[in-house]
Protein backbone atom coordinates (compact mmCIF):
# COMPACT_ATOMS: atom_id res chain seq x y z
CA UNK A 1 0.01 -0.14 0.13
CA UNK A 2 1.29 3.28 -0.90
CA UNK A 3 0.60 6.26 1.52
CA UNK A 4 1.20 10.12 1.22
CA UNK A 5 2.29 11.67 4.14
CA UNK A 6 1.93 15.67 4.79
CA UNK A 7 1.94 17.84 7.96
CA UNK A 8 1.32 21.31 8.61
CA UNK A 9 0.43 23.30 5.61
CA UNK A 10 -0.66 26.46 7.89
CA UNK A 11 -3.51 28.05 5.31
CA UNK A 12 -3.44 31.43 5.56
CA UNK A 13 -0.30 31.99 7.42
CA UNK A 14 0.78 35.81 6.55
CA UNK A 15 4.59 37.63 7.62
CA UNK A 16 6.04 40.35 6.05
CA UNK A 17 2.97 43.12 4.74
CA UNK A 18 3.94 42.45 1.29
CA UNK A 19 0.70 41.95 -1.04
CA UNK A 20 0.67 40.10 -4.47
CA UNK A 21 -0.86 41.68 -7.18
CA UNK A 22 -3.55 39.89 -6.84
CA UNK A 23 -4.47 41.60 -2.75
CA UNK A 24 -3.28 38.55 -0.64
CA UNK A 25 -0.66 38.31 1.57
CA UNK A 26 2.50 37.35 -0.21
CA UNK A 27 3.68 34.09 2.31
CA UNK A 28 0.04 33.05 2.16
CA UNK A 29 0.66 33.34 -1.26
CA UNK A 30 3.55 31.17 -0.77
CA UNK A 31 1.47 28.94 1.75
CA UNK A 32 -1.45 28.33 -1.15
CA UNK A 33 1.81 27.36 -3.66
CA UNK A 34 2.82 24.91 -2.01
CA UNK A 35 0.19 22.80 -0.50
CA UNK A 36 -1.50 23.20 -4.19
CA UNK A 37 1.87 21.48 -5.71
CA UNK A 38 2.53 19.15 -2.71
CA UNK A 39 -1.47 18.10 -3.84
CA UNK A 40 -0.20 17.81 -7.41
CA UNK A 41 2.37 16.08 -7.27
CA UNK A 42 0.56 13.55 -4.44
CA UNK A 43 -2.01 12.78 -7.03
CA UNK A 44 0.72 12.12 -9.84
CA UNK A 45 1.68 9.58 -7.70
CA UNK A 46 -1.65 7.52 -7.40
CA UNK A 47 -1.70 6.50 -3.41
CA UNK A 48 -3.15 4.16 -2.17
CA UNK A 49 -3.98 6.44 1.56
CA UNK A 50 -3.27 10.72 2.19
CA UNK A 51 -2.18 11.61 5.47
CA UNK A 52 -2.75 15.17 6.87
CA UNK A 53 -1.19 15.11 9.73
CA UNK A 54 -2.58 18.09 11.10
CA UNK A 55 -2.49 22.29 11.18
CA UNK A 56 -4.06 22.17 8.00
CA UNK A 57 -5.44 25.88 8.81
CA UNK A 58 -2.53 28.68 10.79
CA UNK A 59 -5.91 29.54 12.78
CA UNK A 60 -8.68 27.97 14.35
CA UNK A 61 -10.66 30.77 12.27
CA UNK A 62 -9.48 30.67 9.08
CA UNK A 63 -10.62 33.21 6.31
CA UNK A 64 -13.58 33.34 3.59
CA UNK A 65 -10.91 32.86 1.43
CA UNK A 66 -8.96 29.73 2.87
CA UNK A 67 -11.73 28.45 3.37
CA UNK A 68 -12.82 28.38 0.42
CA UNK A 69 -9.61 27.54 -1.66
CA UNK A 70 -8.74 24.92 0.36
CA UNK A 71 -12.19 23.05 -0.15
CA UNK A 72 -11.84 24.03 -3.92
CA UNK A 73 -8.26 22.21 -3.26
CA UNK A 74 -9.21 18.81 -1.77
CA UNK A 75 -12.56 18.81 -4.25
CA UNK A 76 -10.02 18.71 -6.95
CA UNK A 77 -7.59 16.72 -5.86
CA UNK A 78 -10.57 14.10 -5.08
CA UNK A 79 -11.01 14.64 -9.19
CA UNK A 80 -7.65 12.83 -9.85
CA UNK A 81 -7.72 10.76 -7.11
CA UNK A 82 -9.64 8.62 -5.45
CA UNK A 83 -7.00 7.82 -2.56
CA UNK A 84 -9.21 8.63 1.64
CA UNK A 85 -7.47 11.40 2.84
CA UNK A 86 -8.07 11.25 6.77
CA UNK A 87 -6.94 14.84 8.10
CA UNK A 88 -6.31 15.64 12.00
CA UNK A 89 -6.26 18.80 14.31
CA UNK A 90 -3.15 19.93 15.27
CA UNK A 91 -2.70 23.06 17.88
CA UNK A 92 -3.34 26.04 15.19
CA UNK A 93 -6.71 24.60 13.96
CA UNK A 94 -8.39 23.08 16.97
CA UNK A 95 -10.12 25.00 19.22
CA UNK A 96 -9.69 24.93 23.15
CA UNK A 97 -13.54 24.35 23.45
CA UNK A 98 -14.60 20.89 22.32
CA UNK A 99 -18.32 22.92 22.06
CA UNK A 100 -16.68 25.41 19.94
CA UNK A 101 -16.76 23.58 15.98
CA UNK A 102 -13.72 23.21 14.21
CA UNK A 103 -13.78 24.39 10.64
CA UNK A 104 -12.05 20.77 9.88
CA UNK A 105 -15.36 19.57 9.86
CA UNK A 106 -16.30 21.36 6.54
CA UNK A 107 -13.92 19.55 4.35
CA UNK A 108 -15.89 15.67 6.12
CA UNK A 109 -18.20 16.63 3.71
CA UNK A 110 -16.08 15.95 0.84
CA UNK A 111 -16.36 12.31 -0.34
CA UNK A 112 -13.46 10.05 1.34
CA UNK A 113 -12.32 12.30 3.58
CA UNK A 114 -12.10 11.86 7.22
CA UNK A 115 -11.78 14.44 9.69
CA UNK A 116 -10.83 13.95 13.35
CA UNK A 117 -9.62 16.67 15.68
CA UNK A 118 -11.21 16.10 19.60
CA UNK A 119 -10.81 12.27 20.98
CA UNK A 120 -8.14 9.35 20.36
CA UNK A 121 -10.13 7.33 17.62
CA UNK A 122 -9.97 4.77 15.21
CA UNK A 123 -10.55 5.31 11.36
CA UNK A 124 -11.23 2.05 9.83
CA UNK A 125 -10.93 2.12 5.82
CA UNK A 126 -12.48 -1.46 5.24
CA UNK A 127 -11.83 -1.21 1.09
CA UNK A 128 -7.91 -1.32 2.14
CA UNK A 129 -8.37 -3.27 5.40
CA UNK A 130 -6.31 -0.26 7.49
CA UNK A 131 -6.86 1.54 10.24
CA UNK A 132 -5.96 4.72 11.00
CA UNK A 133 -5.64 5.43 14.71
CA UNK A 134 -5.54 9.88 15.46
CA UNK A 135 -4.25 11.34 17.99
CA UNK A 136 -5.03 14.87 17.40
CA UNK A 137 -3.34 17.61 19.29
CA UNK A 138 -6.85 17.62 21.51
CA UNK A 139 -6.27 14.37 22.85
CA UNK A 140 -2.58 14.81 24.24
CA UNK A 141 -3.43 15.29 27.90
CA UNK A 142 -5.26 11.85 28.05
CA UNK A 143 -2.59 9.75 26.95
CA UNK A 144 -1.40 8.50 30.01
CA UNK A 145 -4.24 6.90 30.13
CA UNK A 146 -4.85 5.88 26.48
CA UNK A 147 -3.91 2.60 24.73
CA UNK A 148 -2.77 3.21 21.60
CA UNK A 149 -2.21 -0.08 19.64
CA UNK A 150 -2.95 -1.82 16.32
CA UNK A 151 -6.46 -3.68 15.41
CA UNK A 152 -5.30 -6.96 15.23
CA UNK A 153 -8.42 -7.63 12.20
CA UNK A 154 -6.66 -4.55 10.00
CA UNK A 155 -3.82 -5.98 7.42
CA UNK A 156 -2.54 -2.74 7.66
CA UNK A 157 -2.12 -0.24 11.31
CA UNK A 158 -1.25 3.26 11.01
CA UNK A 159 -0.89 5.79 13.99
CA UNK A 160 -1.13 9.48 13.27
CA UNK A 161 -0.44 12.15 15.65
CA UNK A 162 -0.05 15.89 16.17
CA UNK A 163 2.72 16.69 18.73
CA UNK A 164 5.95 16.75 19.91
CA UNK A 165 7.77 13.59 20.83
CA UNK A 166 10.30 12.83 23.72
CA UNK A 167 13.79 13.99 22.22
CA UNK A 168 12.32 16.74 19.90
CA UNK A 169 13.24 20.53 20.13
CA UNK A 170 10.03 22.07 22.72
CA UNK A 171 8.82 24.91 22.35
CA UNK A 172 7.69 27.24 25.40
CA UNK A 173 4.21 26.49 24.58
CA UNK A 174 4.99 22.59 23.72
CA UNK A 175 2.26 21.51 27.65
CA UNK A 176 2.48 17.73 26.59
CA UNK A 177 5.29 15.99 25.61
CA UNK A 178 4.65 12.29 23.83
CA UNK A 179 6.56 9.21 25.14
CA UNK A 180 8.22 7.58 22.74
CA UNK A 181 7.31 4.19 23.98
CA UNK A 182 3.63 4.85 23.99
CA UNK A 183 3.85 5.53 20.60
CA UNK A 184 6.52 4.36 18.66
CA UNK A 185 7.04 0.45 18.07
CA UNK A 186 7.17 -1.66 15.19
CA UNK A 187 3.77 -3.44 15.85
CA UNK A 188 2.62 -0.38 13.49
CA UNK A 189 2.95 -0.45 9.80
CA UNK A 190 3.89 3.59 9.49
CA UNK A 191 3.30 5.56 12.15
CA UNK A 192 3.33 9.69 11.13
CA UNK A 193 3.88 12.61 12.70
CA UNK A 194 2.85 16.22 12.71
CA UNK A 195 3.64 19.57 14.69
CA UNK A 196 7.37 19.91 13.63
CA UNK A 197 8.56 21.70 11.06
CA UNK A 198 11.25 19.35 9.63
CA UNK A 199 11.26 15.85 8.37
CA UNK A 200 12.71 13.72 10.74
CA UNK A 201 13.01 9.85 11.53
CA UNK A 202 12.36 8.38 14.30
CA UNK A 203 12.28 5.18 14.03
CA UNK A 204 12.62 3.24 10.77
CA UNK A 205 8.19 3.31 10.68
CA UNK A 206 7.78 6.94 12.10
CA UNK A 207 8.45 10.14 10.95
CA UNK A 208 8.13 14.02 10.97
CA UNK A 209 6.86 15.32 7.25
CA UNK A 210 8.28 18.28 8.03
CA UNK A 211 5.62 21.70 7.24
CA UNK A 212 5.19 22.61 3.60
CA UNK A 213 6.54 25.96 3.78
CA UNK A 214 8.70 28.54 6.06
CA UNK A 215 5.93 29.15 8.71
CA UNK A 216 7.76 28.58 12.07
CA UNK A 217 8.20 31.41 14.86
CA UNK A 218 11.85 30.84 13.67
CA UNK A 219 12.53 29.63 9.97
CA UNK A 220 16.65 30.47 10.29
CA UNK A 221 16.26 26.96 12.24
CA UNK A 222 15.23 25.07 9.05
CA UNK A 223 17.27 27.00 6.01
CA UNK A 224 19.38 24.03 5.18
CA UNK A 225 16.21 21.77 6.00
CA UNK A 226 13.95 20.91 2.13
CA UNK A 227 10.60 21.49 2.76
CA UNK A 228 7.83 18.64 1.07
CA UNK A 229 6.15 15.43 1.95
CA UNK A 230 6.99 11.39 2.13
CA UNK A 231 5.99 8.64 -0.08
CA UNK A 232 5.52 5.14 1.57
CA UNK A 233 5.10 1.95 1.00
CA UNK A 234 3.39 0.54 3.83
CA UNK A 235 3.89 -3.36 2.17
CA UNK A 236 7.49 -3.44 2.04
CA UNK A 237 8.43 -0.95 5.50
CA UNK A 238 10.87 1.68 3.36
CA UNK A 239 10.37 5.63 2.32
CA UNK A 240 10.09 5.12 -1.63
CA UNK A 241 10.79 9.45 -1.57
CA UNK A 242 10.91 12.61 0.07
CA UNK A 243 9.05 14.92 -2.57
CA UNK A 244 10.31 18.88 -1.93
CA UNK A 245 7.89 21.13 -2.91
CA UNK A 246 8.90 24.93 -4.32
CA UNK A 247 9.27 27.38 -1.21
CA UNK A 248 10.18 30.58 -1.08
CA UNK A 249 14.51 30.93 -0.94
CA UNK A 250 15.22 31.83 2.56
CA UNK A 251 18.65 32.69 3.26
CA UNK A 252 20.65 33.55 6.52
CA UNK A 253 24.07 34.50 5.83
CA UNK A 254 27.01 34.16 7.59
CA UNK A 255 27.12 36.73 10.28
CA UNK A 256 29.57 39.44 10.91
CA UNK A 257 31.45 40.35 13.95
CA UNK A 258 31.55 44.00 14.07
CA UNK A 259 34.19 44.02 17.03
CA UNK A 260 36.79 46.78 16.25
CA UNK A 261 35.31 48.19 13.08
CA UNK A 262 34.00 51.71 11.62
CA UNK A 263 30.42 51.79 10.71
CA UNK A 264 31.56 52.27 7.22
CA UNK A 265 33.42 49.03 7.21
CA UNK A 266 30.34 47.45 9.09
CA UNK A 267 28.52 49.06 5.60
CA UNK A 268 30.54 47.40 3.35
CA UNK A 269 30.24 44.09 5.17
CA UNK A 270 26.89 44.52 5.08
CA UNK A 271 26.51 45.03 1.36
CA UNK A 272 29.15 42.17 0.61
CA UNK A 273 27.38 40.00 2.92
CA UNK A 274 23.74 40.55 0.68
CA UNK A 275 25.39 40.83 -2.68
CA UNK A 276 27.03 37.14 -2.12
CA UNK A 277 23.53 35.44 -2.31
CA UNK A 278 23.14 33.48 -5.69
CA UNK A 279 20.77 34.97 -8.09
CA UNK A 280 20.07 38.63 -5.83
CA UNK A 281 18.50 38.91 -2.61
CA UNK A 282 15.41 40.06 -4.77
CA UNK A 283 12.10 38.68 -3.67
CA UNK A 284 13.62 36.58 -1.05
CA UNK A 285 13.58 36.13 2.82
CA UNK A 286 17.03 37.19 3.69
CA UNK A 287 18.59 37.53 7.95
CA UNK A 288 21.70 38.96 8.44
CA UNK A 289 23.33 39.01 12.22
CA UNK A 290 26.04 41.87 13.17
CA UNK A 291 27.40 40.99 16.47
CA UNK A 292 29.49 42.66 18.72
CA UNK A 293 28.44 46.57 17.20
CA UNK A 294 27.95 49.33 20.12
CA UNK A 295 24.87 51.53 19.95
CA UNK A 296 26.39 54.48 19.38
CA UNK A 297 28.03 52.69 16.07
CA UNK A 298 24.77 51.76 14.98
CA UNK A 299 23.38 55.30 14.82
CA UNK A 300 26.05 55.30 11.64
CA UNK A 301 25.22 53.03 9.85
CA UNK A 302 23.54 53.60 6.51
CA UNK A 303 19.92 53.34 6.63
CA UNK A 304 19.55 54.42 3.51
CA UNK A 305 21.08 51.19 1.71
CA UNK A 306 19.61 49.00 4.53
CA UNK A 307 16.28 50.43 3.23
CA UNK A 308 17.02 49.73 -0.33
CA UNK A 309 17.72 45.93 0.42
CA UNK A 310 14.10 45.71 2.36
CA UNK A 311 12.60 47.20 -0.47
CA UNK A 312 13.87 44.42 -3.18
CA UNK A 313 13.78 41.29 -0.82
CA UNK A 314 10.55 40.38 0.37
CA UNK A 315 11.97 40.62 3.80
CA UNK A 316 15.09 41.56 5.22
CA UNK A 317 16.29 41.01 8.90
CA UNK A 318 19.12 43.16 9.75
CA UNK A 319 20.22 41.89 13.63
CA UNK A 320 22.28 44.53 15.50
CA UNK A 321 23.22 42.82 18.61
CA UNK A 322 25.61 44.74 21.21
CA UNK A 323 28.12 42.94 22.46
CA UNK A 324 27.92 41.38 25.93
CA UNK A 325 25.54 39.44 23.95
CA UNK A 326 26.17 35.55 23.26
CA UNK A 327 26.56 33.96 20.31
CA UNK A 328 23.16 32.02 18.98
CA UNK A 329 23.92 32.13 15.22
CA UNK A 330 23.39 29.00 13.30
CA UNK A 331 22.43 26.89 16.42
CA UNK A 332 19.55 26.05 18.75
CA UNK A 333 20.18 27.82 21.73
CA UNK A 334 18.45 25.09 24.40
CA UNK A 335 18.20 21.37 24.59
CA UNK A 336 15.80 18.73 22.41
CA UNK A 337 13.24 18.31 25.43
CA UNK A 338 13.71 21.11 26.52
CA UNK A 339 11.57 24.39 26.89
CA UNK A 340 12.77 27.43 25.03
CA UNK A 341 14.33 30.74 27.27
CA UNK A 342 12.11 33.34 26.82
CA UNK A 343 14.36 35.62 25.27
CA UNK A 344 14.41 33.03 22.57
CA UNK A 345 10.71 32.71 21.52
CA UNK A 346 10.64 36.35 22.02
CA UNK A 347 13.22 36.49 19.24
CA UNK A 348 11.09 33.92 17.08
CA UNK A 349 7.79 35.95 17.98
CA UNK A 350 9.35 39.23 16.29
CA UNK A 351 11.07 38.10 13.39
CA UNK A 352 7.62 36.78 12.06
CA UNK A 353 4.96 39.50 13.53
CA UNK A 354 3.56 41.36 11.14
CA UNK A 355 5.09 45.06 12.14
CA UNK A 356 3.03 48.27 11.14
CA UNK A 357 4.15 50.44 8.80
CA UNK A 358 6.95 52.68 9.85
CA UNK A 359 8.10 50.66 12.96
CA UNK A 360 11.64 49.46 12.64
CA UNK A 361 12.04 46.22 13.44
CA UNK A 362 15.42 46.10 15.05
CA UNK A 363 13.89 48.33 17.31
CA UNK A 364 11.35 46.69 18.22
CA UNK A 365 13.06 43.74 18.73
CA UNK A 366 15.63 45.33 20.92
CA UNK A 367 13.19 47.08 23.12
CA UNK A 368 11.07 43.54 23.56
CA UNK A 369 15.27 41.77 24.68
CA UNK A 370 15.35 45.16 27.27
CA UNK A 371 12.07 44.82 29.01
CA UNK A 372 12.62 40.80 29.10
CA UNK A 373 15.95 42.01 31.39
CA UNK A 374 14.88 44.41 33.30
CA UNK A 375 11.24 41.33 34.38
CA UNK A 376 14.11 38.72 35.36
CA UNK A 377 16.68 41.08 37.24
CA UNK A 378 13.09 42.50 39.72
CA UNK A 379 12.58 38.71 40.20
CA UNK A 380 15.61 38.33 41.07
């Protein structure tokens, strides 16, 4: 049996306040394109089953445009491919209250589309002699009391879950961690995880597919990882391929150490770093960190040049870090399985936040960091 494992499309994700000619947020349009590309490719592969492991939508209440778009994409896929689709709710698209209603239920009206966003549930697909056990995000608080095991009456047994598995880097908002021993074992023909945005193998039969676009709070940690989905052969228990999807190019430039450098020297280094990007920086998402730069030197930088780069790139993130701040460039500042420091959480949030026009992002970041440090001093 051939199955497709897609995770974390995040339809409706927005960032950077750039608008397409059609009036969409540019990143929202990028996410649409990646999702459409994934479904088109999946249909060409003629799978027996399609799994979507949570966070189909970026918000609990997506716009009418997003709902209409997603419905049409699934309807178009159904015309090209008859494979059943099983979708579980993630932390982004599941309401906190069970009686609120969930937008995912709309897709349940399409033929052979099965949606689970509440309790742990078995979806039995008789035509495939397959059971898909759905551990959606809302079911995680009951995880310790659940009996998670395959159905001996089904030829194929698949577990699909949305959450942070023990050993995977946690965020401060990840309240529940999935114990590996409870969900990962050889009895399952396949285990499909969602929530972590990078392709990751946890066991020979267990994988995170990663997201379809760069939509996490810290996209810079993902720049070395391709985006796409998994094609898996359940009978042979092997990954056939990881199919890449086309995404907006994200570039995390080599940082600059500004210690002892003048403003003119730093300006030249900034320009050289940007000019080193293969194919140029236009319409790309770019970050450049300048470390050990005193505030007195920051004031003399060529902000006209910086604004010019920002106007041509989809997004240019220039982080100016004063002396004394520990470098975290190119590596995570937290241990796998442990919550991130509040300062790192703020950094990730502020980098992705839609800044109002006229507000300087670097200043916004700096003010937030200063406030966090002051609060920490008060706490001491």
